[in-house]
Amino acid sequence: MIIITPAPGSAFTYHAGIEWMGSGWEKKMHEDTAPRIAAVAATMMTPEQQSAADVVTAGPRGGVRGPFAVLLNSPGAFSAAQGLGAYLRFQSALPANLRELAILTTARHWHQDYEWRIHAAIAQEAGVSERAIESLAAGGSVQGLSPEESIVHAFCHQLHRTNDVDNATFSAAERLLEPAGVIDLCAVCGYYALLAMVMNVARNPVPVTPSPFAD
């Protein structure tokens, strides 16, 4: 059992798997919030898993952590996914602020806490405003975006919500990013949706603090 005791005056939001206890200041994690699929421990890797992990450790990520440690249960899927992810994160022509905004829009759609927390910090470092990040987490209209960021957010939000984008949204994104950039933007949405699905299904990493999302 994990007990979380917040400081007096803290605001906590109920989310799946957490139950109020006693006065409401303590919380208990249910057993069903334990990981469904465990991360692969470094000491338990098969030769195929070790070989796949070594590629990541030697690259810009420097190690296997978060969703990648879960993906490593399937080294073939791990290797294919991490190759695409490395391109999108470190080689894509998308400006960092637009890439990170697309990632946050994806994490928000999938309610993926871990992905959100990691990339909210990166997004702010890349120039996405704190106001934009907070309003995106809250849901509804997103405030504090630059004109370019507004185009990217509209594209990603519409793609996730409707499985498509309308002509006006597409045209704005194509003018901003050119066709190659639009493809990369779709790939960012798809790749980070994949990671979100893996983490949500595996319940790993397990959320240990309240969700950053308003709903």
C-alpha atoms as a PDB file:
ATOM      1  CA  MET A   1       0.000   0.000   0.000  1.00  0.00           C
ATOM      2  CA  ILE A   2       1.266   3.486  -0.877  1.00  0.00           C
ATOM      3  CA  ILE A   3       0.103   6.381   1.285  1.00  0.00           C
ATOM      4  CA  ILE A   4       0.353   9.925  -0.104  1.00  0.00           C
ATOM      5  CA  THR A   5      -0.026  12.685   2.466  1.00  0.00           C
ATOM      6  CA  PRO A   6      -0.218  16.160   0.888  1.00  0.00           C
ATOM      7  CA  ALA A   7       0.629  19.366   2.649  1.00  0.00           C
ATOM      8  CA  PRO A   8      -2.331  21.235   4.182  1.00  0.00           C
ATOM      9  CA  GLY A   9      -4.046  23.402   1.599  1.00  0.00           C
ATOM     10  CA  SER A  10      -2.936  21.293  -1.353  1.00  0.00           C
ATOM     11  CA  ALA A  11      -5.473  20.718  -4.136  1.00  0.00           C
ATOM     12  CA  PHE A  12      -5.879  17.080  -5.158  1.00  0.00           C
ATOM     13  CA  THR A  13      -7.985  15.703  -7.993  1.00  0.00           C
ATOM     14  CA  TYR A  14      -9.416  12.190  -7.850  1.00  0.00           C
ATOM     15  CA  HIS A  15      -8.254   9.889 -10.615  1.00  0.00           C
ATOM     16  CA  ALA A  16      -8.605   6.210 -11.406  1.00  0.00           C
ATOM     17  CA  GLY A  17      -7.059   3.831  -8.893  1.00  0.00           C
ATOM     18  CA  ILE A  18      -6.816   6.252  -5.957  1.00  0.00           C
ATOM     19  CA  GLU A  19      -9.212   6.271  -3.021  1.00  0.00           C
ATOM     20  CA  TRP A  20      -9.657   8.956  -0.373  1.00  0.00           C
ATOM     21  CA  MET A  21      -8.949   7.716   3.142  1.00  0.00           C
ATOM     22  CA  GLY A  22      -9.846   9.032   6.581  1.00  0.00           C
ATOM     23  CA  SER A  23     -10.038  12.808   6.651  1.00  0.00           C
ATOM     24  CA  GLY A  24      -9.276  13.079   2.938  1.00  0.00           C
ATOM     25  CA  TRP A  25      -5.628  14.021   3.423  1.00  0.00           C
ATOM     26  CA  GLU A  26      -4.356  10.509   2.853  1.00  0.00           C
ATOM     27  CA  LYS A  27      -4.675   8.368  -0.248  1.00  0.00           C
ATOM     28  CA  LYS A  28      -4.247   4.700  -0.922  1.00  0.00           C
ATOM     29  CA  MET A  29      -3.146   3.205  -4.210  1.00  0.00           C
ATOM     30  CA  HIS A  30      -5.325   0.198  -5.094  1.00  0.00           C
ATOM     31  CA  GLU A  31      -3.648  -3.068  -5.946  1.00  0.00           C
ATOM     32  CA  ASP A  32      -4.997  -2.747  -9.498  1.00  0.00           C
ATOM     33  CA  THR A  33      -2.699   0.238 -10.054  1.00  0.00           C
ATOM     34  CA  ALA A  34       0.346  -2.002  -9.848  1.00  0.00           C
ATOM     35  CA  PRO A  35       1.959  -2.431 -13.280  1.00  0.00           C
ATOM     36  CA  ARG A  36       0.223  -4.911 -15.541  1.00  0.00           C
ATOM     37  CA  ILE A  37       3.421  -5.281 -17.550  1.00  0.00           C
ATOM     38  CA  ALA A  38       6.721  -4.888 -15.760  1.00  0.00           C
ATOM     39  CA  ALA A  39       9.688  -2.963 -17.081  1.00  0.00           C
ATOM     40  CA  VAL A  40      12.542  -5.202 -18.176  1.00  0.00           C
ATOM     41  CA  ALA A  41      15.288  -5.071 -15.557  1.00  0.00           C
ATOM     42  CA  ALA A  42      18.843  -4.712 -16.792  1.00  0.00           C
ATOM     43  CA  THR A  43      19.838  -7.873 -14.944  1.00  0.00           C
ATOM     44  CA  MET A  44      17.028  -9.890 -16.559  1.00  0.00           C
ATOM     45  CA  MET A  45      17.517  -9.043 -20.227  1.00  0.00           C
ATOM     46  CA  THR A  46      17.730 -11.721 -22.886  1.00  0.00           C
ATOM     47  CA  PRO A  47      20.571 -11.353 -25.414  1.00  0.00           C
ATOM     48  CA  GLU A  48      18.093  -9.878 -27.930  1.00  0.00           C
ATOM     49  CA  GLN A  49      16.813  -7.370 -25.371  1.00  0.00           C
ATOM     50  CA  GLN A  50      20.354  -6.448 -24.338  1.00  0.00           C
ATOM     51  CA  SER A  51      21.378  -5.852 -27.938  1.00  0.00           C
ATOM     52  CA  ALA A  52      18.355  -3.613 -28.534  1.00  0.00           C
ATOM     53  CA  ALA A  53      18.955  -1.715 -25.282  1.00  0.00           C
ATOM     54  CA  ASP A  54      22.614  -1.151 -26.110  1.00  0.00           C
ATOM     55  CA  VAL A  55      21.629   0.795 -29.247  1.00  0.00           C
ATOM     56  CA  VAL A  56      19.565   3.222 -27.155  1.00  0.00           C
ATOM     57  CA  THR A  57      22.178   3.514 -24.410  1.00  0.00           C
ATOM     58  CA  ALA A  58      24.784   4.481 -27.013  1.00  0.00           C
ATOM     59  CA  GLY A  59      22.489   7.126 -28.530  1.00  0.00           C
ATOM     60  CA  PRO A  60      21.262  10.545 -27.384  1.00  0.00           C
ATOM     61  CA  ARG A  61      18.810   9.079 -24.829  1.00  0.00           C
ATOM     62  CA  GLY A  62      21.726   7.526 -22.926  1.00  0.00           C
ATOM     63  CA  GLY A  63      19.662   4.720 -21.425  1.00  0.00           C
ATOM     64  CA  VAL A  64      16.406   2.758 -21.375  1.00  0.00           C
ATOM     65  CA  ARG A  65      13.769   4.232 -19.094  1.00  0.00           C
ATOM     66  CA  GLY A  66      10.064   5.068 -18.884  1.00  0.00           C
ATOM     67  CA  PRO A  67       7.998   3.526 -21.692  1.00  0.00           C
ATOM     68  CA  PHE A  68      11.080   2.084 -23.378  1.00  0.00           C
ATOM     69  CA  ALA A  69      11.764  -0.236 -20.448  1.00  0.00           C
ATOM     70  CA  VAL A  70       8.227  -1.580 -20.936  1.00  0.00           C
ATOM     71  CA  LEU A  71       8.478  -1.757 -24.734  1.00  0.00           C
ATOM     72  CA  LEU A  72      11.606  -3.853 -24.293  1.00  0.00           C
ATOM     73  CA  ASN A  73       9.369  -6.805 -23.431  1.00  0.00           C
ATOM     74  CA  SER A  74       9.050  -6.986 -27.239  1.00  0.00           C
ATOM     75  CA  PRO A  75      12.557  -6.181 -28.502  1.00  0.00           C
ATOM     76  CA  GLY A  76      11.373  -6.088 -32.121  1.00  0.00           C
ATOM     77  CA  ALA A  77       8.717  -3.472 -31.378  1.00  0.00           C
ATOM     78  CA  PHE A  78      11.192  -1.652 -29.119  1.00  0.00           C
ATOM     79  CA  SER A  79      13.839  -1.375 -31.841  1.00  0.00           C
ATOM     80  CA  ALA A  80      11.408  -0.232 -34.515  1.00  0.00           C
ATOM     81  CA  ALA A  81       9.723   2.305 -32.237  1.00  0.00           C
ATOM     82  CA  GLN A  82      12.876   3.777 -30.772  1.00  0.00           C
ATOM     83  CA  GLY A  83      14.329   4.348 -34.234  1.00  0.00           C
ATOM     84  CA  LEU A  84      11.317   6.427 -35.256  1.00  0.00           C
ATOM     85  CA  GLY A  85      11.325   8.201 -31.907  1.00  0.00           C
ATOM     86  CA  ALA A  86      15.004   9.100 -32.176  1.00  0.00           C
ATOM     87  CA  TYR A  87      14.390  10.672 -35.586  1.00  0.00           C
ATOM     88  CA  LEU A  88      11.357  12.651 -34.402  1.00  0.00           C
ATOM     89  CA  ARG A  89      12.973  13.830 -31.184  1.00  0.00           C
ATOM     90  CA  PHE A  90      16.504  14.579 -32.366  1.00  0.00           C
ATOM     91  CA  GLN A  91      16.566  14.871 -36.176  1.00  0.00           C
ATOM     92  CA  SER A  92      13.176  16.096 -37.398  1.00  0.00           C
ATOM     93  CA  ALA A  93      13.029  19.532 -38.989  1.00  0.00           C
ATOM     94  CA  LEU A  94      10.096  20.490 -36.752  1.00  0.00           C
ATOM     95  CA  PRO A  95      11.074  23.361 -34.442  1.00  0.00           C
ATOM     96  CA  ALA A  96      11.395  22.171 -30.853  1.00  0.00           C
ATOM     97  CA  ASN A  97       8.490  24.255 -29.535  1.00  0.00           C
ATOM     98  CA  LEU A  98       6.131  22.921 -32.204  1.00  0.00           C
ATOM     99  CA  ARG A  99       7.261  19.336 -31.701  1.00  0.00           C
ATOM    100  CA  GLU A 100       6.825  19.534 -27.948  1.00  0.00           C
ATOM    101  CA  LEU A 101       3.417  21.182 -28.275  1.00  0.00           C
ATOM    102  CA  ALA A 102       2.341  18.309 -30.542  1.00  0.00           C
ATOM    103  CA  ILE A 103       3.578  15.831 -27.929  1.00  0.00           C
ATOM    104  CA  LEU A 104       1.685  17.598 -25.151  1.00  0.00           C
ATOM    105  CA  THR A 105      -1.484  17.695 -27.249  1.00  0.00           C
ATOM    106  CA  THR A 106      -1.119  13.953 -27.743  1.00  0.00           C
ATOM    107  CA  ALA A 107      -0.444  13.274 -24.055  1.00  0.00           C
ATOM    108  CA  ARG A 108      -3.466  15.384 -23.130  1.00  0.00           C
ATOM    109  CA  HIS A 109      -5.705  13.457 -25.532  1.00  0.00           C
ATOM    110  CA  TRP A 110      -4.568  10.118 -24.083  1.00  0.00           C
ATOM    111  CA  HIS A 111      -4.512  11.369 -20.470  1.00  0.00           C
ATOM    112  CA  GLN A 112      -0.931  10.132 -20.138  1.00  0.00           C
ATOM    113  CA  ASP A 113       0.545  11.615 -16.961  1.00  0.00           C
ATOM    114  CA  TYR A 114       4.149  10.431 -17.347  1.00  0.00           C
ATOM    115  CA  GLU A 115       4.425  11.596 -20.956  1.00  0.00           C
ATOM    116  CA  TRP A 116       2.908  14.937 -19.971  1.00  0.00           C
ATOM    117  CA  ARG A 117       5.229  15.557 -17.033  1.00  0.00           C
ATOM    118  CA  ILE A 118       8.373  14.750 -18.979  1.00  0.00           C
ATOM    119  CA  HIS A 119       7.469  16.869 -22.004  1.00  0.00           C
ATOM    120  CA  ALA A 120       5.822  19.786 -20.187  1.00  0.00           C
ATOM    121  CA  ALA A 121       9.258  20.680 -18.812  1.00  0.00           C
ATOM    122  CA  ILE A 122      10.912  20.207 -22.222  1.00  0.00           C
ATOM    123  CA  ALA A 123       8.193  22.273 -23.906  1.00  0.00           C
ATOM    124  CA  GLN A 124       8.703  25.174 -21.530  1.00  0.00           C
ATOM    125  CA  GLU A 125      12.463  25.061 -22.144  1.00  0.00           C
ATOM    126  CA  ALA A 126      11.719  25.105 -25.893  1.00  0.00           C
ATOM    127  CA  GLY A 127       9.658  28.285 -25.553  1.00  0.00           C
ATOM    128  CA  VAL A 128       6.066  27.114 -25.121  1.00  0.00           C
ATOM    129  CA  SER A 129       4.537  29.482 -22.575  1.00  0.00           C
ATOM    130  CA  GLU A 130       3.566  28.346 -19.110  1.00  0.00           C
ATOM    131  CA  ARG A 131       0.106  29.787 -19.754  1.00  0.00           C
ATOM    132  CA  ALA A 132      -0.296  27.575 -22.829  1.00  0.00           C
ATOM    133  CA  ILE A 133       0.843  24.465 -20.974  1.00  0.00           C
ATOM    134  CA  GLU A 134      -1.462  25.103 -18.021  1.00  0.00           C
ATOM    135  CA  SER A 135      -4.504  25.853 -20.165  1.00  0.00           C
ATOM    136  CA  LEU A 136      -3.881  22.787 -22.318  1.00  0.00           C
ATOM    137  CA  ALA A 137      -3.788  20.647 -19.182  1.00  0.00           C
ATOM    138  CA  ALA A 138      -7.018  22.231 -17.963  1.00  0.00           C
ATOM    139  CA  GLY A 139      -8.888  21.470 -21.189  1.00  0.00           C
ATOM    140  CA  GLY A 140     -10.980  23.813 -23.288  1.00  0.00           C
ATOM    141  CA  SER A 141      -9.473  26.744 -25.158  1.00  0.00           C
ATOM    142  CA  VAL A 142      -5.676  26.901 -25.103  1.00  0.00           C
ATOM    143  CA  GLN A 143      -4.292  30.349 -24.317  1.00  0.00           C
ATOM    144  CA  GLY A 144      -0.857  31.872 -24.788  1.00  0.00           C
ATOM    145  CA  LEU A 145       0.114  30.208 -28.065  1.00  0.00           C
ATOM    146  CA  SER A 146       2.077  31.898 -30.828  1.00  0.00           C
ATOM    147  CA  PRO A 147       0.426  31.957 -34.290  1.00  0.00           C
ATOM    148  CA  GLU A 148       2.618  29.035 -35.394  1.00  0.00           C
ATOM    149  CA  GLU A 149       1.835  27.070 -32.239  1.00  0.00           C
ATOM    150  CA  SER A 150      -1.891  27.699 -32.732  1.00  0.00           C
ATOM    151  CA  ILE A 151      -1.700  26.088 -36.182  1.00  0.00           C
ATOM    152  CA  VAL A 152       0.099  23.028 -34.822  1.00  0.00           C
ATOM    153  CA  HIS A 153      -2.211  22.643 -31.851  1.00  0.00           C
ATOM    154  CA  ALA A 154      -5.308  22.938 -34.060  1.00  0.00           C
ATOM    155  CA  PHE A 155      -3.904  20.300 -36.422  1.00  0.00           C
ATOM    156  CA  CYS A 156      -2.989  17.810 -33.685  1.00  0.00           C
ATOM    157  CA  HIS A 157      -6.134  18.376 -31.638  1.00  0.00           C
ATOM    158  CA  GLN A 158      -8.368  17.907 -34.666  1.00  0.00           C
ATOM    159  CA  LEU A 159      -6.442  14.837 -35.827  1.00  0.00           C
ATOM    160  CA  HIS A 160      -6.781  13.127 -32.451  1.00  0.00           C
ATOM    161  CA  ARG A 161     -10.410  14.090 -31.942  1.00  0.00           C
ATOM    162  CA  THR A 162     -11.777  13.413 -35.452  1.00  0.00           C
ATOM    163  CA  ASN A 163      -9.148  11.082 -36.991  1.00  0.00           C
ATOM    164  CA  ASP A 164      -8.656  13.648 -39.775  1.00  0.00           C
ATOM    165  CA  VAL A 165      -8.089  17.352 -40.409  1.00  0.00           C
ATOM    166  CA  ASP A 166     -10.214  19.665 -42.514  1.00  0.00           C
ATOM    167  CA  ASN A 167      -8.896  21.480 -45.576  1.00  0.00           C
ATOM    168  CA  ALA A 168      -8.354  24.806 -43.820  1.00  0.00           C
ATOM    169  CA  THR A 169      -6.370  23.213 -40.986  1.00  0.00           C
ATOM    170  CA  PHE A 170      -4.304  21.170 -43.440  1.00  0.00           C
ATOM    171  CA  SER A 171      -3.554  24.171 -45.638  1.00  0.00           C
ATOM    172  CA  ALA A 172      -2.379  26.253 -42.682  1.00  0.00           C
ATOM    173  CA  ALA A 173      -0.077  23.452 -41.517  1.00  0.00           C
ATOM    174  CA  GLU A 174       1.278  22.867 -45.027  1.00  0.00           C
ATOM    175  CA  ARG A 175       2.084  26.562 -45.478  1.00  0.00           C
ATOM    176  CA  LEU A 176       3.878  26.596 -42.159  1.00  0.00           C
ATOM    177  CA  LEU A 177       5.728  23.275 -42.327  1.00  0.00           C
ATOM    178  CA  GLU A 178       5.691  22.208 -46.007  1.00  0.00           C
ATOM    179  CA  PRO A 179       4.670  18.632 -46.882  1.00  0.00           C
ATOM    180  CA  ALA A 180       7.623  16.972 -45.139  1.00  0.00           C
ATOM    181  CA  GLY A 181       6.846  18.833 -41.940  1.00  0.00           C
ATOM    182  CA  VAL A 182       3.184  17.792 -42.085  1.00  0.00           C
ATOM    183  CA  ILE A 183       4.276  14.159 -42.384  1.00  0.00           C
ATOM    184  CA  ASP A 184       6.618  14.582 -39.405  1.00  0.00           C
ATOM    185  CA  LEU A 185       3.828  16.210 -37.420  1.00  0.00           C
ATOM    186  CA  CYS A 186       1.528  13.247 -38.122  1.00  0.00           C
ATOM    187  CA  ALA A 187       4.368  10.924 -37.111  1.00  0.00           C
ATOM    188  CA  VAL A 188       4.841  12.770 -33.810  1.00  0.00           C
ATOM    189  CA  CYS A 189       1.139  12.384 -33.026  1.00  0.00           C
ATOM    190  CA  GLY A 190       1.204   8.697 -33.925  1.00  0.00           C
ATOM    191  CA  TYR A 191       4.445   7.843 -32.180  1.00  0.00           C
ATOM    192  CA  TYR A 192       3.596   9.521 -28.893  1.00  0.00           C
ATOM    193  CA  ALA A 193       0.097   8.029 -29.064  1.00  0.00           C
ATOM    194  CA  LEU A 194       1.808   4.626 -29.303  1.00  0.00           C
ATOM    195  CA  LEU A 195       3.885   5.336 -26.196  1.00  0.00           C
ATOM    196  CA  ALA A 196       0.800   6.618 -24.378  1.00  0.00           C
ATOM    197  CA  MET A 197      -1.163   3.489 -25.256  1.00  0.00           C
ATOM    198  CA  VAL A 198       1.669   1.241 -24.066  1.00  0.00           C
ATOM    199  CA  MET A 199       1.952   3.078 -20.748  1.00  0.00           C
ATOM    200  CA  ASN A 200      -1.817   3.254 -20.225  1.00  0.00           C
ATOM    201  CA  VAL A 201      -2.321  -0.439 -20.984  1.00  0.00           C
ATOM    202  CA  ALA A 202       0.759  -1.583 -19.060  1.00  0.00           C
ATOM    203  CA  ARG A 203      -0.029   0.856 -16.218  1.00  0.00           C
ATOM    204  CA  ASN A 204       3.664   1.477 -16.140  1.00  0.00           C
ATOM    205  CA  PRO A 205       5.052   3.851 -14.971  1.00  0.00           C
ATOM    206  CA  VAL A 206       2.353   3.878 -12.288  1.00  0.00           C
ATOM    207  CA  PRO A 207       1.063   7.391 -11.478  1.00  0.00           C
ATOM    208  CA  VAL A 208       1.897   8.184  -7.857  1.00  0.00           C
ATOM    209  CA  THR A 209       0.567  11.735  -7.724  1.00  0.00           C
ATOM    210  CA  PRO A 210      -2.735  13.228  -8.871  1.00  0.00           C
ATOM    211  CA  SER A 211      -3.232  13.672 -12.591  1.00  0.00           C
ATOM    212  CA  PRO A 212      -2.242  17.067 -14.002  1.00  0.00           C
ATOM    213  CA  PHE A 213      -5.408  17.087 -16.088  1.00  0.00           C
ATOM    214  CA  ALA A 214      -8.662  18.722 -15.112  1.00  0.00           C
ATOM    215  CA  ASP A 215     -10.792  15.781 -16.298  1.00  0.00           C
END
